[in-house]
Amino acid sequence: MSLPRAKLTSNFPGCPVEATLSFLDGKWKGVILFHLMSGTLRELEESGLVSRTVFPVVPPRVDYALTPLGLTLRPVIKALATWGEENVFCLPEGRHLRDVSVASGVPAATVET
C-alpha cells in the first residue's frame, strides 16, 4: 500500500513538482489557498464569519478563525459535503450528477468543469 503524497515529504528524487504538491495536498488546503489569494477571506471577515488576528512580528503573521456565527455554518457545510459525496461523481471526462433516470425519468446532468 502506498503512502499518501502528504506523508512523503522527505523523498522526492528529482521532482520539484511532486515535492511542492506534497505540501499543498489535503482536503481543504487548496481551497484555503485559493481564498487567501482571491481576497475572499477579507469578505468573510467583513461578513462576520471569519475573524482575523494580525500579530506585530517579523515575519508578519495573520491568523484566521471562524467566529461563533461562522461556526453555525458547520451543519450546512456538512450537509453540502454529504450531498456531494452521494450525488456528484468526478470522472476523467468531467463532473457528473448521479443518474436518477431509472427512478424518476429525469436524465443525469453533466456539470461544466
C-alpha atoms as a PDB file:
ATOM      1  CA  MET A   1       0.000   0.000   0.000  1.00  0.00           C
ATOM      2  CA  SER A   2       1.463   3.367  -0.956  1.00  0.00           C
ATOM      3  CA  LEU A   3       1.578   6.345   1.364  1.00  0.00           C
ATOM      4  CA  PRO A   4      -0.446   9.472   0.557  1.00  0.00           C
ATOM      5  CA  ARG A   5       1.611  12.196  -1.084  1.00  0.00           C
ATOM      6  CA  ALA A   6       1.379  14.360   2.059  1.00  0.00           C
ATOM      7  CA  LYS A   7       3.267  11.688   4.047  1.00  0.00           C
ATOM      8  CA  LEU A   8       6.168  11.527   1.585  1.00  0.00           C
ATOM      9  CA  THR A   9       7.817  14.857   2.366  1.00  0.00           C
ATOM     10  CA  SER A  10      11.385  13.559   2.666  1.00  0.00           C
ATOM     11  CA  ASN A  11      11.983  11.680  -0.592  1.00  0.00           C
ATOM     12  CA  PHE A  12      11.201  13.199  -3.986  1.00  0.00           C
ATOM     13  CA  PRO A  13      14.153  12.342  -6.207  1.00  0.00           C
ATOM     14  CA  GLY A  14      14.365  14.948  -8.951  1.00  0.00           C
ATOM     15  CA  CYS A  15      10.754  16.024  -8.880  1.00  0.00           C
ATOM     16  CA  PRO A  16      10.142  19.520  -7.528  1.00  0.00           C
ATOM     17  CA  VAL A  17       6.526  19.429  -8.703  1.00  0.00           C
ATOM     18  CA  GLU A  18       5.772  16.355  -6.598  1.00  0.00           C
ATOM     19  CA  ALA A  19       7.609  17.851  -3.625  1.00  0.00           C
ATOM     20  CA  THR A  20       5.597  21.069  -3.892  1.00  0.00           C
ATOM     21  CA  LEU A  21       2.301  19.191  -4.224  1.00  0.00           C
ATOM     22  CA  SER A  22       3.103  17.239  -1.045  1.00  0.00           C
ATOM     23  CA  PHE A  23       2.713  20.464   0.914  1.00  0.00           C
ATOM     24  CA  LEU A  24      -0.492  21.511  -0.858  1.00  0.00           C
ATOM     25  CA  ASP A  25      -2.141  18.100  -0.731  1.00  0.00           C
ATOM     26  CA  GLY A  26      -5.139  17.741   1.541  1.00  0.00           C
ATOM     27  CA  LYS A  27      -8.866  18.125   1.596  1.00  0.00           C
ATOM     28  CA  TRP A  28      -9.001  21.881   2.246  1.00  0.00           C
ATOM     29  CA  LYS A  29      -5.529  23.290   1.636  1.00  0.00           C
ATOM     30  CA  GLY A  30      -6.178  24.177  -1.996  1.00  0.00           C
ATOM     31  CA  VAL A  31      -9.491  25.828  -1.185  1.00  0.00           C
ATOM     32  CA  ILE A  32      -7.949  27.827   1.654  1.00  0.00           C
ATOM     33  CA  LEU A  33      -5.049  28.954  -0.533  1.00  0.00           C
ATOM     34  CA  PHE A  34      -7.471  29.989  -3.277  1.00  0.00           C
ATOM     35  CA  HIS A  35      -9.465  32.109  -0.847  1.00  0.00           C
ATOM     36  CA  LEU A  36      -6.330  33.636   0.630  1.00  0.00           C
ATOM     37  CA  MET A  37      -5.155  34.706  -2.819  1.00  0.00           C
ATOM     38  CA  SER A  38      -8.532  35.902  -4.063  1.00  0.00           C
ATOM     39  CA  GLY A  39      -9.324  38.163  -1.124  1.00  0.00           C
ATOM     40  CA  THR A  40     -12.391  36.137  -0.201  1.00  0.00           C
ATOM     41  CA  LEU A  41     -11.200  35.796   3.386  1.00  0.00           C
ATOM     42  CA  ARG A  42     -11.482  39.568   3.752  1.00  0.00           C
ATOM     43  CA  GLU A  43     -15.068  39.363   2.511  1.00  0.00           C
ATOM     44  CA  LEU A  44     -15.794  36.597   5.016  1.00  0.00           C
ATOM     45  CA  GLU A  45     -14.268  38.782   7.719  1.00  0.00           C
ATOM     46  CA  GLU A  46     -16.438  41.737   6.708  1.00  0.00           C
ATOM     47  CA  SER A  47     -19.482  39.456   6.863  1.00  0.00           C
ATOM     48  CA  GLY A  48     -18.607  38.406  10.400  1.00  0.00           C
ATOM     49  CA  LEU A  49     -17.988  34.758   9.528  1.00  0.00           C
ATOM     50  CA  VAL A  50     -14.203  34.840   9.997  1.00  0.00           C
ATOM     51  CA  SER A  51     -12.042  36.719  12.457  1.00  0.00           C
ATOM     52  CA  ARG A  52      -8.577  37.957  11.536  1.00  0.00           C
ATOM     53  CA  THR A  53      -5.814  38.487  14.087  1.00  0.00           C
ATOM     54  CA  VAL A  54      -2.669  40.332  12.983  1.00  0.00           C
ATOM     55  CA  PHE A  55       0.446  39.832  15.089  1.00  0.00           C
ATOM     56  CA  PRO A  56       3.066  42.619  15.077  1.00  0.00           C
ATOM     57  CA  VAL A  57       6.012  40.322  14.421  1.00  0.00           C
ATOM     58  CA  VAL A  58       8.611  39.846  11.707  1.00  0.00           C
ATOM     59  CA  PRO A  59       7.928  37.987   9.514  1.00  0.00           C
ATOM     60  CA  PRO A  60       4.260  39.056   9.515  1.00  0.00           C
ATOM     61  CA  ARG A  61       1.749  36.621  10.961  1.00  0.00           C
ATOM     62  CA  VAL A  62      -2.010  36.630  10.489  1.00  0.00           C
ATOM     63  CA  ASP A  63      -4.381  34.045  11.951  1.00  0.00           C
ATOM     64  CA  TYR A  64      -7.905  33.427  10.696  1.00  0.00           C
ATOM     65  CA  ALA A  65     -10.585  31.633  12.680  1.00  0.00           C
ATOM     66  CA  LEU A  66     -14.294  31.032  12.376  1.00  0.00           C
ATOM     67  CA  THR A  67     -16.382  33.337  14.521  1.00  0.00           C
ATOM     68  CA  PRO A  68     -19.328  31.976  16.538  1.00  0.00           C
ATOM     69  CA  LEU A  69     -21.531  32.990  13.584  1.00  0.00           C
ATOM     70  CA  GLY A  70     -19.192  31.212  11.172  1.00  0.00           C
ATOM     71  CA  LEU A  71     -19.330  28.076  13.302  1.00  0.00           C
ATOM     72  CA  THR A  72     -23.114  27.965  12.842  1.00  0.00           C
ATOM     73  CA  LEU A  73     -22.424  27.120   9.174  1.00  0.00           C
ATOM     74  CA  ARG A  74     -20.820  23.796  10.133  1.00  0.00           C
ATOM     75  CA  PRO A  75     -24.034  21.720   9.688  1.00  0.00           C
ATOM     76  CA  VAL A  76     -24.750  23.477   6.377  1.00  0.00           C
ATOM     77  CA  ILE A  77     -21.265  22.686   5.034  1.00  0.00           C
ATOM     78  CA  LYS A  78     -21.518  19.093   6.284  1.00  0.00           C
ATOM     79  CA  ALA A  79     -24.889  18.718   4.527  1.00  0.00           C
ATOM     80  CA  LEU A  80     -23.401  20.080   1.277  1.00  0.00           C
ATOM     81  CA  ALA A  81     -20.472  17.670   1.591  1.00  0.00           C
ATOM     82  CA  THR A  82     -22.793  14.717   2.205  1.00  0.00           C
ATOM     83  CA  TRP A  83     -24.956  15.641  -0.777  1.00  0.00           C
ATOM     84  CA  GLY A  84     -21.890  15.973  -2.983  1.00  0.00           C
ATOM     85  CA  GLU A  85     -20.480  12.635  -1.868  1.00  0.00           C
ATOM     86  CA  GLU A  86     -23.783  10.933  -2.671  1.00  0.00           C
ATOM     87  CA  ASN A  87     -24.646  12.702  -5.922  1.00  0.00           C
ATOM     88  CA  VAL A  88     -21.575  14.172  -7.668  1.00  0.00           C
ATOM     89  CA  PHE A  89     -19.048  11.937  -9.395  1.00  0.00           C
ATOM     90  CA  CYS A  90     -15.737  13.292 -10.637  1.00  0.00           C
ATOM     91  CA  LEU A  91     -14.678  11.342 -13.699  1.00  0.00           C
ATOM     92  CA  PRO A  92     -11.861  11.978 -16.187  1.00  0.00           C
ATOM     93  CA  GLU A  93     -14.389  13.396 -18.654  1.00  0.00           C
ATOM     94  CA  GLY A  94     -15.850  15.809 -16.100  1.00  0.00           C
ATOM     95  CA  ARG A  95     -18.142  16.000 -13.112  1.00  0.00           C
ATOM     96  CA  HIS A  96     -21.496  14.231 -13.348  1.00  0.00           C
ATOM     97  CA  LEU A  97     -24.562  14.140 -11.159  1.00  0.00           C
ATOM     98  CA  ARG A  98     -25.970  10.803 -10.050  1.00  0.00           C
ATOM     99  CA  ASP A  99     -28.200   9.232 -12.675  1.00  0.00           C
ATOM    100  CA  VAL A 100     -31.691   9.090 -11.220  1.00  0.00           C
ATOM    101  CA  SER A 101     -33.399   8.464 -14.550  1.00  0.00           C
ATOM    102  CA  VAL A 102     -34.312   4.909 -13.584  1.00  0.00           C
ATOM    103  CA  ALA A 103     -36.358   6.077 -10.604  1.00  0.00           C
ATOM    104  CA  SER A 104     -37.646   9.449 -11.801  1.00  0.00           C
ATOM    105  CA  GLY A 105     -37.331   9.535 -15.584  1.00  0.00           C
ATOM    106  CA  VAL A 106     -35.006  12.543 -15.315  1.00  0.00           C
ATOM    107  CA  PRO A 107     -31.682  12.135 -17.123  1.00  0.00           C
ATOM    108  CA  ALA A 108     -28.425  12.747 -15.310  1.00  0.00           C
ATOM    109  CA  ALA A 109     -26.931  16.188 -15.822  1.00  0.00           C
ATOM    110  CA  THR A 110     -23.357  16.948 -16.763  1.00  0.00           C
ATOM    111  CA  VAL A 111     -21.722  19.722 -14.786  1.00  0.00           C
ATOM    112  CA  GLU A 112     -19.386  22.050 -16.680  1.00  0.00           C
ATOM    113  CA  THR A 113     -15.816  21.845 -15.352  1.00  0.00           C
END
